[in-house]
Protein backbone atom coordinates (compact mmCIF):
# COMPACT_ATOMS: atom_id res chain seq x y z
CA UNK A 1 0.00 0.00 0.00
CA UNK A 2 2.86 2.38 0.88
CA UNK A 3 4.41 1.95 -2.59
CA UNK A 4 1.13 2.85 -4.28
CA UNK A 5 0.70 5.89 -2.04
CA UNK A 6 4.22 7.17 -2.68
CA UNK A 7 4.25 6.35 -6.40
CA UNK A 8 0.74 6.28 -7.90
CA UNK A 9 2.11 5.50 -11.37
CA UNK A 10 2.81 1.91 -10.23
CA UNK A 11 0.23 -0.77 -10.89
CA UNK A 12 -0.92 -2.99 -8.05
CA UNK A 13 0.97 -5.93 -9.56
CA UNK A 14 4.19 -3.92 -9.86
CA UNK A 15 3.93 -2.72 -6.26
CA UNK A 16 3.14 -6.22 -5.01
CA UNK A 17 6.05 -7.77 -6.93
CA UNK A 18 8.43 -5.08 -5.73
CA UNK A 19 7.41 -5.52 -2.09
CA UNK A 20 8.12 -9.26 -2.19
CA UNK A 21 11.15 -9.23 -4.50
CA UNK A 22 13.44 -6.61 -2.97
CA UNK A 23 16.30 -8.58 -1.40
CA UNK A 24 19.58 -6.78 -2.03
CA UNK A 25 22.08 -8.89 -3.95
CA UNK A 26 19.36 -11.02 -5.58
CA UNK A 27 18.53 -11.02 -9.28
CA UNK A 28 14.99 -11.21 -10.63
CA UNK A 29 13.91 -12.04 -14.15
CA UNK A 30 11.09 -11.07 -16.45
CA UNK A 31 9.90 -14.68 -16.25
CA UNK A 32 9.56 -14.37 -12.47
CA UNK A 33 7.36 -11.29 -12.85
CA UNK A 34 5.37 -13.05 -15.57
CA UNK A 35 4.64 -16.03 -13.33
CA UNK A 36 4.01 -13.91 -10.23
CA UNK A 37 1.59 -11.48 -11.88
CA UNK A 38 0.13 -13.97 -14.38
CA UNK A 39 0.64 -11.66 -17.32
CA UNK A 40 2.01 -11.95 -20.86
CA UNK A 41 5.77 -11.70 -21.45
CA UNK A 42 5.55 -8.22 -23.02
CA UNK A 43 3.56 -6.90 -20.05
CA UNK A 44 6.11 -8.39 -17.66
CA UNK A 45 9.02 -6.88 -19.61
CA UNK A 46 7.37 -3.46 -19.73
CA UNK A 47 6.64 -3.61 -16.00
CA UNK A 48 10.19 -4.58 -15.06
CA UNK A 49 11.63 -1.90 -17.35
CA UNK A 50 9.35 0.69 -15.73
CA UNK A 51 10.48 -0.37 -12.24
CA UNK A 52 14.08 -0.03 -13.42
CA UNK A 53 13.41 3.39 -14.96
CA UNK A 54 11.87 4.56 -11.67
CA UNK A 55 15.05 3.52 -9.84
CA UNK A 56 13.74 0.52 -7.93
CA UNK A 57 15.87 -1.99 -9.88
CA UNK A 58 19.07 -1.91 -11.91
CA UNK A 59 18.75 -3.67 -15.27
CA UNK A 60 21.70 -5.89 -16.19
CA UNK A 61 22.34 -8.15 -19.16
CA UNK A 62 23.64 -11.62 -18.34
CA UNK A 63 24.50 -13.54 -21.50
CA UNK A 64 21.31 -13.41 -23.59
CA UNK A 65 18.78 -12.26 -20.97
CA UNK A 66 18.13 -9.31 -18.72
CA UNK A 67 17.97 -9.53 -14.94
CA UNK A 68 17.01 -6.90 -12.40
CA UNK A 69 18.57 -6.30 -9.01
CA UNK A 70 17.16 -4.02 -6.30
CA UNK A 71 18.77 -0.63 -5.79
CA UNK A 72 18.97 1.17 -2.46
CA UNK A 73 16.51 4.08 -2.44
CA UNK A 74 18.24 7.19 -3.67
CA UNK A 75 21.07 5.30 -5.37
CA UNK A 76 21.66 4.23 -8.93
CA UNK A 77 24.63 2.89 -10.85
CA UNK A 78 24.45 5.69 -13.42
PDB file of N, CA and C in Angstrom:
ATOM      1  N   UNK A   1       0.824  -1.180   0.000  1.00  0.00           N
ATOM      2  CA  UNK A   1       0.000   0.000   0.000  1.00  0.00           C
ATOM      3  C   UNK A   1       0.879   1.259   0.000  1.00  0.00           C
ATOM      4  N   UNK A   2       1.957   1.227   0.794  1.00  0.00           N
ATOM      5  CA  UNK A   2       2.862   2.377   0.879  1.00  0.00           C
ATOM      6  C   UNK A   2       3.437   2.722  -0.493  1.00  0.00           C
ATOM      7  N   UNK A   3       3.843   1.702  -1.263  1.00  0.00           N
ATOM      8  CA  UNK A   3       4.412   1.955  -2.588  1.00  0.00           C
ATOM      9  C   UNK A   3       3.408   2.648  -3.503  1.00  0.00           C
ATOM     10  N   UNK A   4       2.162   2.223  -3.436  1.00  0.00           N
ATOM     11  CA  UNK A   4       1.131   2.846  -4.277  1.00  0.00           C
ATOM     12  C   UNK A   4       0.849   4.277  -3.842  1.00  0.00           C
ATOM     13  N   UNK A   5       0.939   4.530  -2.544  1.00  0.00           N
ATOM     14  CA  UNK A   5       0.695   5.888  -2.044  1.00  0.00           C
ATOM     15  C   UNK A   5       1.844   6.827  -2.396  1.00  0.00           C
ATOM     16  N   UNK A   6       3.070   6.315  -2.396  1.00  0.00           N
ATOM     17  CA  UNK A   6       4.216   7.167  -2.679  1.00  0.00           C
ATOM     18  C   UNK A   6       4.525   7.260  -4.171  1.00  0.00           C
ATOM     19  N   UNK A   7       4.037   6.311  -4.958  1.00  0.00           N
ATOM     20  CA  UNK A   7       4.249   6.346  -6.400  1.00  0.00           C
ATOM     21  C   UNK A   7       2.989   5.839  -7.098  1.00  0.00           C
ATOM     22  N   UNK A   8       2.009   6.709  -7.311  1.00  0.00           N
ATOM     23  CA  UNK A   8       0.740   6.282  -7.898  1.00  0.00           C
ATOM     24  C   UNK A   8       0.833   5.800  -9.345  1.00  0.00           C
ATOM     25  N   UNK A   9       1.978   5.981  -9.993  1.00  0.00           N
ATOM     26  CA  UNK A   9       2.108   5.498 -11.369  1.00  0.00           C
ATOM     27  C   UNK A   9       2.345   3.982 -11.425  1.00  0.00           C
ATOM     28  N   UNK A  10       2.635   3.362 -10.274  1.00  0.00           N
ATOM     29  CA  UNK A  10       2.811   1.910 -10.231  1.00  0.00           C
ATOM     30  C   UNK A  10       1.458   1.212 -10.286  1.00  0.00           C
ATOM     31  N   UNK A  11       1.440   0.057 -10.932  1.00  0.00           N
ATOM     32  CA  UNK A  11       0.233  -0.768 -10.895  1.00  0.00           C
ATOM     33  C   UNK A  11       0.260  -1.585  -9.609  1.00  0.00           C
ATOM     34  N   UNK A  12      -0.863  -2.156  -9.258  1.00  0.00           N
ATOM     35  CA  UNK A  12      -0.920  -2.988  -8.047  1.00  0.00           C
ATOM     36  C   UNK A  12       0.013  -4.190  -8.171  1.00  0.00           C
ATOM     37  N   UNK A  13       0.095  -4.768  -9.358  1.00  0.00           N
ATOM     38  CA  UNK A  13       0.968  -5.930  -9.564  1.00  0.00           C
ATOM     39  C   UNK A  13       2.442  -5.541  -9.456  1.00  0.00           C
ATOM     40  N   UNK A  14       2.804  -4.384  -9.977  1.00  0.00           N
ATOM     41  CA  UNK A  14       4.185  -3.920  -9.864  1.00  0.00           C
ATOM     42  C   UNK A  14       4.546  -3.679  -8.404  1.00  0.00           C
ATOM     43  N   UNK A  15       3.671  -3.008  -7.672  1.00  0.00           N
ATOM     44  CA  UNK A  15       3.929  -2.719  -6.258  1.00  0.00           C
ATOM     45  C   UNK A  15       4.016  -4.004  -5.446  1.00  0.00           C
ATOM     46  N   UNK A  16       3.142  -4.952  -5.729  1.00  0.00           N
ATOM     47  CA  UNK A  16       3.140  -6.221  -5.012  1.00  0.00           C
ATOM     48  C   UNK A  16       4.425  -7.009  -5.296  1.00  0.00           C
ATOM     49  N   UNK A  17       4.828  -7.063  -6.562  1.00  0.00           N
ATOM     50  CA  UNK A  17       6.052  -7.771  -6.925  1.00  0.00           C
ATOM     51  C   UNK A  17       7.257  -7.117  -6.252  1.00  0.00           C
ATOM     52  N   UNK A  18       7.314  -5.811  -6.316  1.00  0.00           N
ATOM     53  CA  UNK A  18       8.433  -5.077  -5.727  1.00  0.00           C
ATOM     54  C   UNK A  18       8.520  -5.312  -4.223  1.00  0.00           C
ATOM     55  N   UNK A  19       7.392  -5.347  -3.548  1.00  0.00           N
ATOM     56  CA  UNK A  19       7.411  -5.518  -2.093  1.00  0.00           C
ATOM     57  C   UNK A  19       7.875  -6.913  -1.671  1.00  0.00           C
ATOM     58  N   UNK A  20       7.712  -7.897  -2.539  1.00  0.00           N
ATOM     59  CA  UNK A  20       8.122  -9.262  -2.191  1.00  0.00           C
ATOM     60  C   UNK A  20       9.423  -9.696  -2.866  1.00  0.00           C
ATOM     61  N   UNK A  21       9.923  -8.902  -3.772  1.00  0.00           N
ATOM     62  CA  UNK A  21      11.152  -9.232  -4.505  1.00  0.00           C
ATOM     63  C   UNK A  21      12.134  -8.070  -4.397  1.00  0.00           C
ATOM     64  N   UNK A  22      12.580  -7.784  -3.180  1.00  0.00           N
ATOM     65  CA  UNK A  22      13.442  -6.610  -2.965  1.00  0.00           C
ATOM     66  C   UNK A  22      14.679  -6.942  -2.139  1.00  0.00           C
ATOM     67  N   UNK A  23      15.115  -8.193  -2.153  1.00  0.00           N
ATOM     68  CA  UNK A  23      16.298  -8.583  -1.404  1.00  0.00           C
ATOM     69  C   UNK A  23      17.552  -8.107  -2.131  1.00  0.00           C
ATOM     70  N   UNK A  24      18.341  -7.292  -1.433  1.00  0.00           N
ATOM     71  CA  UNK A  24      19.576  -6.776  -2.026  1.00  0.00           C
ATOM     72  C   UNK A  24      20.503  -7.949  -2.372  1.00  0.00           C
ATOM     73  N   UNK A  25      21.158  -7.841  -3.514  1.00  0.00           N
ATOM     74  CA  UNK A  25      22.079  -8.886  -3.953  1.00  0.00           C
ATOM     75  C   UNK A  25      21.415 -10.017  -4.712  1.00  0.00           C
ATOM     76  N   UNK A  26      20.096 -10.003  -4.824  1.00  0.00           N
ATOM     77  CA  UNK A  26      19.363 -11.023  -5.582  1.00  0.00           C
ATOM     78  C   UNK A  26      19.067 -10.483  -6.969  1.00  0.00           C
ATOM     79  N   UNK A  27      18.847 -11.390  -7.907  1.00  0.00           N
ATOM     80  CA  UNK A  27      18.529 -11.017  -9.276  1.00  0.00           C
ATOM     81  C   UNK A  27      17.176 -11.607  -9.640  1.00  0.00           C
ATOM     82  N   UNK A  28      16.341 -10.786 -10.253  1.00  0.00           N
ATOM     83  CA  UNK A  28      14.995 -11.207 -10.625  1.00  0.00           C
ATOM     84  C   UNK A  28      14.827 -11.077 -12.128  1.00  0.00           C
ATOM     85  N   UNK A  29      14.061 -12.000 -12.706  1.00  0.00           N
ATOM     86  CA  UNK A  29      13.910 -12.039 -14.154  1.00  0.00           C
ATOM     87  C   UNK A  29      12.509 -11.620 -14.586  1.00  0.00           C
ATOM     88  N   UNK A  30      12.388 -11.377 -15.862  1.00  0.00           N
ATOM     89  CA  UNK A  30      11.089 -11.068 -16.449  1.00  0.00           C
ATOM     90  C   UNK A  30      10.163 -12.272 -16.281  1.00  0.00           C
ATOM     91  N   UNK A  31      10.713 -13.467 -16.409  1.00  0.00           N
ATOM     92  CA  UNK A  31       9.905 -14.683 -16.246  1.00  0.00           C
ATOM     93  C   UNK A  31       9.319 -14.780 -14.837  1.00  0.00           C
ATOM     94  N   UNK A  32      10.076 -14.349 -13.838  1.00  0.00           N
ATOM     95  CA  UNK A  32       9.556 -14.374 -12.471  1.00  0.00           C
ATOM     96  C   UNK A  32       8.376 -13.422 -12.333  1.00  0.00           C
ATOM     97  N   UNK A  33       8.484 -12.226 -12.898  1.00  0.00           N
ATOM     98  CA  UNK A  33       7.361 -11.289 -12.851  1.00  0.00           C
ATOM     99  C   UNK A  33       6.172 -11.865 -13.597  1.00  0.00           C
ATOM    100  N   UNK A  34       6.433 -12.459 -14.755  1.00  0.00           N
ATOM    101  CA  UNK A  34       5.368 -13.045 -15.575  1.00  0.00           C
ATOM    102  C   UNK A  34       4.588 -14.094 -14.783  1.00  0.00           C
ATOM    103  N   UNK A  35       5.299 -14.984 -14.112  1.00  0.00           N
ATOM    104  CA  UNK A  35       4.642 -16.035 -13.329  1.00  0.00           C
ATOM    105  C   UNK A  35       3.935 -15.461 -12.100  1.00  0.00           C
ATOM    106  N   UNK A  36       4.567 -14.504 -11.446  1.00  0.00           N
ATOM    107  CA  UNK A  36       4.007 -13.908 -10.228  1.00  0.00           C
ATOM    108  C   UNK A  36       2.712 -13.153 -10.521  1.00  0.00           C
ATOM    109  N   UNK A  37       2.733 -12.337 -11.573  1.00  0.00           N
ATOM    110  CA  UNK A  37       1.595 -11.480 -11.880  1.00  0.00           C
ATOM    111  C   UNK A  37       0.597 -12.127 -12.841  1.00  0.00           C
ATOM    112  N   UNK A  38       0.980 -13.268 -13.398  1.00  0.00           N
ATOM    113  CA  UNK A  38       0.129 -13.968 -14.375  1.00  0.00           C
ATOM    114  C   UNK A  38      -0.242 -13.050 -15.537  1.00  0.00           C
ATOM    115  N   UNK A  39       0.807 -12.557 -16.180  1.00  0.00           N
ATOM    116  CA  UNK A  39       0.638 -11.656 -17.320  1.00  0.00           C
ATOM    117  C   UNK A  39       1.453 -12.178 -18.495  1.00  0.00           C
ATOM    118  N   UNK A  40       1.251 -11.582 -19.670  1.00  0.00           N
ATOM    119  CA  UNK A  40       2.011 -11.946 -20.862  1.00  0.00           C
ATOM    120  C   UNK A  40       3.457 -11.469 -20.721  1.00  0.00           C
ATOM    121  N   UNK A  41       4.350 -12.048 -21.511  1.00  0.00           N
ATOM    122  CA  UNK A  41       5.769 -11.700 -21.448  1.00  0.00           C
ATOM    123  C   UNK A  41       5.988 -10.213 -21.682  1.00  0.00           C
ATOM    124  N   UNK A  42       5.352  -9.643 -22.706  1.00  0.00           N
ATOM    125  CA  UNK A  42       5.549  -8.217 -23.021  1.00  0.00           C
ATOM    126  C   UNK A  42       5.110  -7.318 -21.870  1.00  0.00           C
ATOM    127  N   UNK A  43       4.025  -7.678 -21.201  1.00  0.00           N
ATOM    128  CA  UNK A  43       3.559  -6.904 -20.050  1.00  0.00           C
ATOM    129  C   UNK A  43       4.568  -6.998 -18.918  1.00  0.00           C
ATOM    130  N   UNK A  44       5.104  -8.191 -18.704  1.00  0.00           N
ATOM    131  CA  UNK A  44       6.112  -8.389 -17.655  1.00  0.00           C
ATOM    132  C   UNK A  44       7.376  -7.592 -17.964  1.00  0.00           C
ATOM    133  N   UNK A  45       7.814  -7.615 -19.221  1.00  0.00           N
ATOM    134  CA  UNK A  45       9.018  -6.879 -19.612  1.00  0.00           C
ATOM    135  C   UNK A  45       8.812  -5.379 -19.433  1.00  0.00           C
ATOM    136  N   UNK A  46       7.676  -4.888 -19.873  1.00  0.00           N
ATOM    137  CA  UNK A  46       7.371  -3.463 -19.731  1.00  0.00           C
ATOM    138  C   UNK A  46       7.331  -3.067 -18.262  1.00  0.00           C
ATOM    139  N   UNK A  47       6.735  -3.900 -17.436  1.00  0.00           N
ATOM    140  CA  UNK A  47       6.635  -3.607 -16.000  1.00  0.00           C
ATOM    141  C   UNK A  47       8.008  -3.576 -15.343  1.00  0.00           C
ATOM    142  N   UNK A  48       8.851  -4.544 -15.649  1.00  0.00           N
ATOM    143  CA  UNK A  48      10.190  -4.579 -15.055  1.00  0.00           C
ATOM    144  C   UNK A  48      11.031  -3.401 -15.551  1.00  0.00           C
ATOM    145  N   UNK A  49      10.903  -3.063 -16.823  1.00  0.00           N
ATOM    146  CA  UNK A  49      11.633  -1.902 -17.354  1.00  0.00           C
ATOM    147  C   UNK A  49      11.170  -0.612 -16.681  1.00  0.00           C
ATOM    148  N   UNK A  50       9.871  -0.499 -16.408  1.00  0.00           N
ATOM    149  CA  UNK A  50       9.353   0.689 -15.732  1.00  0.00           C
ATOM    150  C   UNK A  50       9.900   0.775 -14.308  1.00  0.00           C
ATOM    151  N   UNK A  51       9.930  -0.362 -13.595  1.00  0.00           N
ATOM    152  CA  UNK A  51      10.479  -0.373 -12.237  1.00  0.00           C
ATOM    153  C   UNK A  51      11.958   0.016 -12.251  1.00  0.00           C
ATOM    154  N   UNK A  52      12.677  -0.407 -13.292  1.00  0.00           N
ATOM    155  CA  UNK A  52      14.083  -0.031 -13.418  1.00  0.00           C
ATOM    156  C   UNK A  52      14.211   1.469 -13.731  1.00  0.00           C
ATOM    157  N   UNK A  53      13.363   1.972 -14.603  1.00  0.00           N
ATOM    158  CA  UNK A  53      13.409   3.390 -14.957  1.00  0.00           C
ATOM    159  C   UNK A  53      13.081   4.281 -13.758  1.00  0.00           C
ATOM    160  N   UNK A  54      12.238   3.797 -12.872  1.00  0.00           N
ATOM    161  CA  UNK A  54      11.874   4.556 -11.674  1.00  0.00           C
ATOM    162  C   UNK A  54      12.927   4.447 -10.566  1.00  0.00           C
ATOM    163  N   UNK A  55      13.958   3.624 -10.795  1.00  0.00           N
ATOM    164  CA  UNK A  55      15.054   3.523  -9.841  1.00  0.00           C
ATOM    165  C   UNK A  55      14.908   2.454  -8.776  1.00  0.00           C
ATOM    166  N   UNK A  56      13.921   1.582  -8.911  1.00  0.00           N
ATOM    167  CA  UNK A  56      13.745   0.517  -7.926  1.00  0.00           C
ATOM    168  C   UNK A  56      14.677  -0.675  -8.199  1.00  0.00           C
ATOM    169  N   UNK A  57      14.981  -0.905  -9.481  1.00  0.00           N
ATOM    170  CA  UNK A  57      15.875  -1.993  -9.885  1.00  0.00           C
ATOM    171  C   UNK A  57      16.941  -1.450 -10.828  1.00  0.00           C
ATOM    172  N   UNK A  58      18.047  -2.165 -10.889  1.00  0.00           N
ATOM    173  CA  UNK A  58      19.066  -1.912 -11.909  1.00  0.00           C
ATOM    174  C   UNK A  58      18.943  -3.033 -12.922  1.00  0.00           C
ATOM    175  N   UNK A  59      18.888  -2.691 -14.196  1.00  0.00           N
ATOM    176  CA  UNK A  59      18.750  -3.673 -15.269  1.00  0.00           C
ATOM    177  C   UNK A  59      20.132  -4.072 -15.755  1.00  0.00           C
ATOM    178  N   UNK A  60      20.406  -5.360 -15.751  1.00  0.00           N
ATOM    179  CA  UNK A  60      21.700  -5.891 -16.187  1.00  0.00           C
ATOM    180  C   UNK A  60      21.486  -6.979 -17.232  1.00  0.00           C
ATOM    181  N   UNK A  61      22.413  -7.070 -18.182  1.00  0.00           N
ATOM    182  CA  UNK A  61      22.342  -8.149 -19.160  1.00  0.00           C
ATOM    183  C   UNK A  61      23.327  -9.235 -18.757  1.00  0.00           C
ATOM    184  N   UNK A  62      22.822 -10.455 -18.639  1.00  0.00           N
ATOM    185  CA  UNK A  62      23.640 -11.621 -18.335  1.00  0.00           C
ATOM    186  C   UNK A  62      23.459 -12.594 -19.494  1.00  0.00           C
ATOM    187  N   UNK A  63      24.526 -12.751 -20.269  1.00  0.00           N
ATOM    188  CA  UNK A  63      24.495 -13.539 -21.501  1.00  0.00           C
ATOM    189  C   UNK A  63      23.384 -13.021 -22.397  1.00  0.00           C
ATOM    190  N   UNK A  64      22.346 -13.830 -22.645  1.00  0.00           N
ATOM    191  CA  UNK A  64      21.309 -13.406 -23.587  1.00  0.00           C
ATOM    192  C   UNK A  64      19.997 -12.997 -22.915  1.00  0.00           C
ATOM    193  N   UNK A  65      20.017 -12.703 -21.613  1.00  0.00           N
ATOM    194  CA  UNK A  65      18.780 -12.256 -20.972  1.00  0.00           C
ATOM    195  C   UNK A  65      19.065 -11.119 -19.999  1.00  0.00           C
ATOM    196  N   UNK A  66      18.017 -10.416 -19.666  1.00  0.00           N
ATOM    197  CA  UNK A  66      18.130  -9.315 -18.719  1.00  0.00           C
ATOM    198  C   UNK A  66      17.666  -9.769 -17.345  1.00  0.00           C
ATOM    199  N   UNK A  67      18.359  -9.288 -16.321  1.00  0.00           N
ATOM    200  CA  UNK A  67      17.967  -9.526 -14.940  1.00  0.00           C
ATOM    201  C   UNK A  67      17.921  -8.169 -14.238  1.00  0.00           C
ATOM    202  N   UNK A  68      17.221  -8.140 -13.134  1.00  0.00           N
ATOM    203  CA  UNK A  68      17.014  -6.898 -12.400  1.00  0.00           C
ATOM    204  C   UNK A  68      17.395  -7.125 -10.950  1.00  0.00           C
ATOM    205  N   UNK A  69      18.159  -6.199 -10.403  1.00  0.00           N
ATOM    206  CA  UNK A  69      18.570  -6.300  -9.011  1.00  0.00           C
ATOM    207  C   UNK A  69      18.114  -5.038  -8.273  1.00  0.00           C
ATOM    208  N   UNK A  70      17.634  -5.195  -7.051  1.00  0.00           N
ATOM    209  CA  UNK A  70      17.158  -4.025  -6.300  1.00  0.00           C
ATOM    210  C   UNK A  70      18.262  -2.995  -6.063  1.00  0.00           C
ATOM    211  N   UNK A  71      17.861  -1.746  -6.020  1.00  0.00           N
ATOM    212  CA  UNK A  71      18.769  -0.625  -5.786  1.00  0.00           C
ATOM    213  C   UNK A  71      18.335   0.048  -4.489  1.00  0.00           C
ATOM    214  N   UNK A  72      19.308   0.426  -3.661  1.00  0.00           N
ATOM    215  CA  UNK A  72      18.971   1.173  -2.456  1.00  0.00           C
ATOM    216  C   UNK A  72      18.277   2.470  -2.851  1.00  0.00           C
ATOM    217  N   UNK A  73      17.261   2.844  -2.134  1.00  0.00           N
ATOM    218  CA  UNK A  73      16.509   4.079  -2.435  1.00  0.00           C
ATOM    219  C   UNK A  73      17.464   5.260  -2.465  1.00  0.00           C
ATOM    220  N   UNK A  74      17.382   6.023  -3.536  1.00  0.00           N
ATOM    221  CA  UNK A  74      18.238   7.188  -3.666  1.00  0.00           C
ATOM    222  C   UNK A  74      19.569   6.910  -4.329  1.00  0.00           C
ATOM    223  N   UNK A  75      19.806   5.655  -4.709  1.00  0.00           N
ATOM    224  CA  UNK A  75      21.065   5.300  -5.366  1.00  0.00           C
ATOM    225  C   UNK A  75      20.779   4.720  -6.723  1.00  0.00           C
ATOM    226  N   UNK A  76      21.708   4.902  -7.634  1.00  0.00           N
ATOM    227  CA  UNK A  76      21.659   4.234  -8.926  1.00  0.00           C
ATOM    228  C   UNK A  76      23.086   4.064  -9.402  1.00  0.00           C
ATOM    229  N   UNK A  77      23.275   3.178 -10.355  1.00  0.00           N
ATOM    230  CA  UNK A  77      24.628   2.895 -10.847  1.00  0.00           C
ATOM    231  C   UNK A  77      25.049   3.886 -11.907  1.00  0.00           C
ATOM    232  N   UNK A  78      24.156   4.781 -12.332  1.00  0.00           N
ATOM    233  CA  UNK A  78      24.450   5.694 -13.421  1.00  0.00           C
ATOM    234  C   UNK A  78      24.883   7.038 -12.935  1.00  0.00           C
TER     235      UNK A  78
END
